[in-house]
């Protein structure tokens, strides 16, 4: 596994969509590579923030600016 492969496979690694062999190679690379560990920390933080943002209701001002109604926001939440 190389540093170039980590960003390409990060989402699949987190989602457990890789074969056991590729997951092991990915994990082993992370143990050895400080830069890729830092990348994965950032990747996980970004993913967590994205999930959190989808769980919060949009501000009323934004909904109005987009021309959306209160009922439209319920679909999102």
Protein backbone atom coordinates (compact mmCIF):
# COMPACT_ATOMS: atom_id res chain seq x y z
CA UNK A 1 0.00 0.00 0.00
CA UNK A 2 1.30 3.47 -0.88
CA UNK A 3 0.47 6.95 0.33
CA UNK A 4 -1.20 7.67 -3.02
CA UNK A 5 -3.67 4.85 -2.46
CA UNK A 6 -4.84 5.95 1.00
CA UNK A 7 -7.09 8.86 -0.10
CA UNK A 8 -8.55 6.73 -2.90
CA UNK A 9 -9.47 3.91 -0.53
CA UNK A 10 -10.26 5.85 2.68
CA UNK A 11 -14.02 5.84 2.26
CA UNK A 12 -14.10 2.14 1.40
CA UNK A 13 -11.85 1.38 4.35
CA UNK A 14 -14.15 3.22 6.77
CA UNK A 15 -17.19 1.56 5.20
CA UNK A 16 -15.56 -1.88 5.42
CA UNK A 17 -16.00 -2.31 1.68
CA UNK A 18 -12.48 -3.64 1.08
CA UNK A 19 -11.31 -7.22 1.07
CA UNK A 20 -9.65 -8.45 4.24
CA UNK A 21 -6.24 -8.41 2.54
CA UNK A 22 -6.57 -4.81 1.33
CA UNK A 23 -7.92 -3.70 4.74
CA UNK A 24 -4.90 -5.29 6.41
CA UNK A 25 -2.48 -3.60 4.00
CA UNK A 26 -4.28 -0.27 4.55
CA UNK A 27 -4.11 -0.63 8.34
CA UNK A 28 -0.48 -1.70 8.23
CA UNK A 29 0.39 1.34 6.13
CA UNK A 30 -1.33 3.61 8.66
CA UNK A 31 0.75 2.10 11.45
CA UNK A 32 3.91 2.93 9.54
CA UNK A 33 3.02 6.32 8.01
CA UNK A 34 2.52 9.41 10.13
CA UNK A 35 1.29 11.48 7.18
CA UNK A 36 -1.42 9.00 6.27
CA UNK A 37 -2.53 8.71 9.89
CA UNK A 38 -2.92 12.50 9.92
CA UNK A 39 -4.86 12.31 6.64
CA UNK A 40 -7.22 9.72 8.10
CA UNK A 41 -7.79 11.80 11.25
CA UNK A 42 -8.79 14.72 9.03
CA UNK A 43 -10.92 12.47 6.84
CA UNK A 44 -12.81 11.11 9.84
CA UNK A 45 -13.28 14.59 11.31
CA UNK A 46 -14.68 15.86 8.00
CA UNK A 47 -17.01 12.87 7.78
CA UNK A 48 -18.22 13.40 11.35
CA UNK A 49 -18.86 17.10 10.70
CA UNK A 50 -20.79 16.27 7.54
CA UNK A 51 -22.97 13.79 9.43
CA UNK A 52 -23.58 16.32 12.21
CA UNK A 53 -24.53 19.03 9.72
CA UNK A 54 -27.20 16.76 8.24
CA UNK A 55 -28.68 16.21 11.68
CA UNK A 56 -29.10 19.92 12.43
CA UNK A 57 -32.02 21.93 11.12
CA UNK A 58 -31.11 24.64 8.64
CA UNK A 59 -31.39 28.21 9.97
CA UNK A 60 -34.69 29.94 9.15
CA UNK A 61 -32.88 32.72 7.28
CA UNK A 62 -31.25 30.16 4.98
CA UNK A 63 -34.54 28.37 4.35
CA UNK A 64 -36.19 31.68 3.46
CA UNK A 65 -33.31 32.74 1.22
CA UNK A 66 -33.62 29.45 -0.65
CA UNK A 67 -37.36 29.87 -0.97
CA UNK A 68 -38.04 26.73 1.03
CA UNK A 69 -40.84 26.27 3.50
CA UNK A 70 -40.79 24.81 6.98
CA UNK A 71 -42.27 21.55 5.67
CA UNK A 72 -39.35 21.17 3.24
CA UNK A 73 -36.93 21.06 6.15
CA UNK A 74 -38.74 18.13 7.78
CA UNK A 75 -37.79 15.98 4.82
CA UNK A 76 -34.15 16.76 5.54
CA UNK A 77 -34.27 16.00 9.25
